[in-house]
Amino acid sequence: MNERGGSLVELCTVAAIVAIVTGVSLPGWAALVGRQQQRAVVTEIASELRMARQLAMARHERIRVVVNAERSELYTECVDCGMSPLRRYDFARRGTIITSMTTKPEIVFQPSGRSATATTILLMDRRNAAHQVTVGITGRVAMS
């Protein structure tokens, strides 16, 4: 006789193996997702700074990024225009805080794309891992 199906015992065995493998790997996946979410905040802050630099060069105006460490937000505004903020990024509920900055809490990009001062922003995430975003005098934004 030629059987094509599996027995109930074989099906239960496979289901048990899948459940065990899933149960063992789930905590590792949760930790990985948490690390990636924290890294995403640092990447987004660096992207906001890069966007401000691009705006300064495209609009031929000085653009300022104001960092509010207490409210965990940063916003981008035109220095000479007197307009409301052009962009705002709020990361208060994302678990990352700004621990310090090497300059005053603003970064100004000139129309050439250069930064008025070199600045380093130190960030701390929920796992107490330190991250750093640096804006060089040339306007280049780097993460570490």
Protein backbone atom coordinates (compact mmCIF):
# COMPACT_ATOMS: atom_id res chain seq x y z
CA MET A 1 0.00 0.00 0.00
CA ASN A 2 1.31 3.47 -0.91
CA GLU A 3 0.58 6.15 1.76
CA ARG A 4 0.93 9.83 0.91
CA GLY A 5 -0.05 11.53 4.18
CA GLY A 6 1.46 11.66 7.62
CA SER A 7 0.08 10.37 10.85
CA LEU A 8 -1.27 12.49 13.66
CA VAL A 9 1.78 11.62 15.77
CA GLU A 10 4.14 12.95 13.09
CA LEU A 11 2.12 16.15 12.78
CA CYS A 12 2.16 16.71 16.55
CA THR A 13 5.93 16.07 16.66
CA VAL A 14 6.61 18.65 13.95
CA ALA A 15 4.31 21.17 15.67
CA ALA A 16 6.14 20.63 18.98
CA ILE A 17 9.54 21.14 17.34
CA VAL A 18 8.36 24.37 15.67
CA ALA A 19 6.97 25.62 19.00
CA ILE A 20 10.25 24.88 20.82
CA VAL A 21 12.39 26.58 18.16
CA THR A 22 10.06 29.61 18.15
CA GLY A 23 10.11 29.83 21.95
CA VAL A 24 13.90 29.71 22.06
CA SER A 25 14.45 32.29 19.31
CA LEU A 26 11.75 34.80 20.32
CA PRO A 27 13.75 36.60 23.08
CA GLY A 28 16.66 37.04 20.69
CA TRP A 29 14.37 38.57 18.09
CA ALA A 30 12.84 40.93 20.66
CA ALA A 31 16.28 42.17 21.69
CA LEU A 32 17.28 42.63 18.05
CA VAL A 33 14.15 44.64 17.30
CA GLY A 34 14.78 46.84 20.36
CA ARG A 35 18.37 47.56 19.30
CA GLN A 36 17.27 48.41 15.77
CA GLN A 37 14.57 50.78 17.01
CA GLN A 38 17.08 52.65 19.16
CA ARG A 39 19.57 52.83 16.29
CA ALA A 40 16.77 54.17 14.07
CA VAL A 41 16.36 57.23 16.33
CA VAL A 42 20.06 58.08 16.02
CA THR A 43 19.88 57.59 12.25
CA GLU A 44 16.82 59.84 12.01
CA ILE A 45 18.53 62.60 14.01
CA ALA A 46 21.52 62.42 11.67
CA SER A 47 19.13 62.50 8.70
CA GLU A 48 17.41 65.62 10.04
CA LEU A 49 20.79 67.34 10.31
CA ARG A 50 21.69 66.29 6.76
CA MET A 51 18.33 67.57 5.54
CA ALA A 52 18.97 70.95 7.19
CA ARG A 53 22.31 71.17 5.41
CA GLN A 54 20.63 70.37 2.09
CA LEU A 55 17.96 73.00 2.75
CA ALA A 56 20.64 75.62 3.42
CA MET A 57 22.37 74.86 0.15
CA ALA A 58 19.16 74.61 -1.89
CA ARG A 59 17.57 77.77 -0.50
CA HIS A 60 20.85 79.76 -0.26
CA GLU A 61 19.91 80.73 3.31
CA ARG A 62 21.25 80.04 6.77
CA ILE A 63 19.33 77.17 8.35
CA ARG A 64 19.38 76.48 12.08
CA VAL A 65 18.61 73.20 13.84
CA VAL A 66 17.58 73.87 17.44
CA VAL A 67 18.00 70.95 19.82
CA ASN A 68 15.69 70.85 22.82
CA ALA A 69 17.15 68.16 25.08
CA GLU A 70 14.47 68.51 27.77
CA ARG A 71 11.63 67.81 25.34
CA SER A 72 13.67 65.36 23.21
CA GLU A 73 12.99 67.18 19.99
CA LEU A 74 14.74 69.17 17.34
CA TYR A 75 13.36 71.59 14.83
CA THR A 76 14.72 73.24 11.72
CA GLU A 77 14.14 76.90 10.94
CA CYS A 78 15.40 79.58 8.59
CA VAL A 79 17.65 82.02 10.47
CA ASP A 80 16.96 85.11 8.33
CA CYS A 81 13.36 84.42 7.32
CA GLY A 82 11.63 84.66 10.70
CA MET A 83 9.25 81.89 9.64
CA SER A 84 7.78 79.16 11.74
CA PRO A 85 9.85 75.95 11.94
CA LEU A 86 10.35 74.25 8.58
CA ARG A 87 10.67 70.75 10.07
CA ARG A 88 10.19 69.20 13.50
CA TYR A 89 11.35 65.84 14.82
CA ASP A 90 10.08 64.60 18.17
CA PHE A 91 11.70 61.50 19.64
CA ALA A 92 10.45 61.83 23.23
CA ARG A 93 8.57 58.52 23.26
CA ARG A 94 11.28 56.57 21.49
CA GLY A 95 13.48 56.00 24.56
CA THR A 96 16.54 57.98 23.46
CA ILE A 97 17.71 61.10 25.29
CA ILE A 98 20.36 63.70 24.55
CA THR A 99 22.91 63.63 27.34
CA SER A 100 25.16 66.46 26.14
CA MET A 101 26.25 68.70 23.29
CA THR A 102 29.68 70.23 22.80
CA THR A 103 28.26 73.62 21.79
CA LYS A 104 25.11 75.59 22.49
CA PRO A 105 21.90 73.74 21.57
CA GLU A 106 21.74 74.87 17.97
CA ILE A 107 23.56 74.03 14.77
CA VAL A 108 23.66 76.62 11.98
CA PHE A 109 24.33 75.60 8.39
CA GLN A 110 25.57 78.28 6.00
CA PRO A 111 24.35 78.51 2.37
CA SER A 112 27.61 76.82 1.35
CA GLY A 113 26.67 73.77 3.45
CA ARG A 114 29.35 74.46 6.05
CA SER A 115 28.49 74.46 9.73
CA ALA A 116 29.13 77.54 11.84
CA THR A 117 30.71 75.36 14.55
CA ALA A 118 31.68 71.73 14.88
CA THR A 119 29.27 69.95 17.23
CA THR A 120 29.02 66.55 18.83
CA ILE A 121 25.70 65.31 20.23
CA LEU A 122 25.85 62.46 22.74
CA LEU A 123 22.75 60.28 23.04
CA MET A 124 21.77 57.49 25.43
CA ASP A 125 19.17 54.84 24.65
CA ARG A 126 17.00 52.65 26.91
CA ARG A 127 19.73 50.03 27.21
CA ASN A 128 22.20 52.73 28.36
CA ALA A 129 24.14 52.37 25.11
CA ALA A 130 25.87 55.59 24.08
CA HIS A 131 25.59 56.96 20.55
CA GLN A 132 27.24 59.98 18.98
CA VAL A 133 26.29 62.27 16.10
CA THR A 134 28.99 64.67 14.95
CA VAL A 135 28.62 67.67 12.66
CA GLY A 136 32.00 68.76 11.29
CA ILE A 137 32.92 72.32 10.38
CA THR A 138 32.48 71.32 6.73
CA GLY A 139 28.87 70.37 7.47
CA ARG A 140 29.45 66.62 7.20
CA VAL A 141 27.26 64.59 9.58
CA ALA A 142 28.65 61.34 10.97
CA MET A 143 27.28 58.75 13.40
CA SER A 144 29.14 56.40 15.71
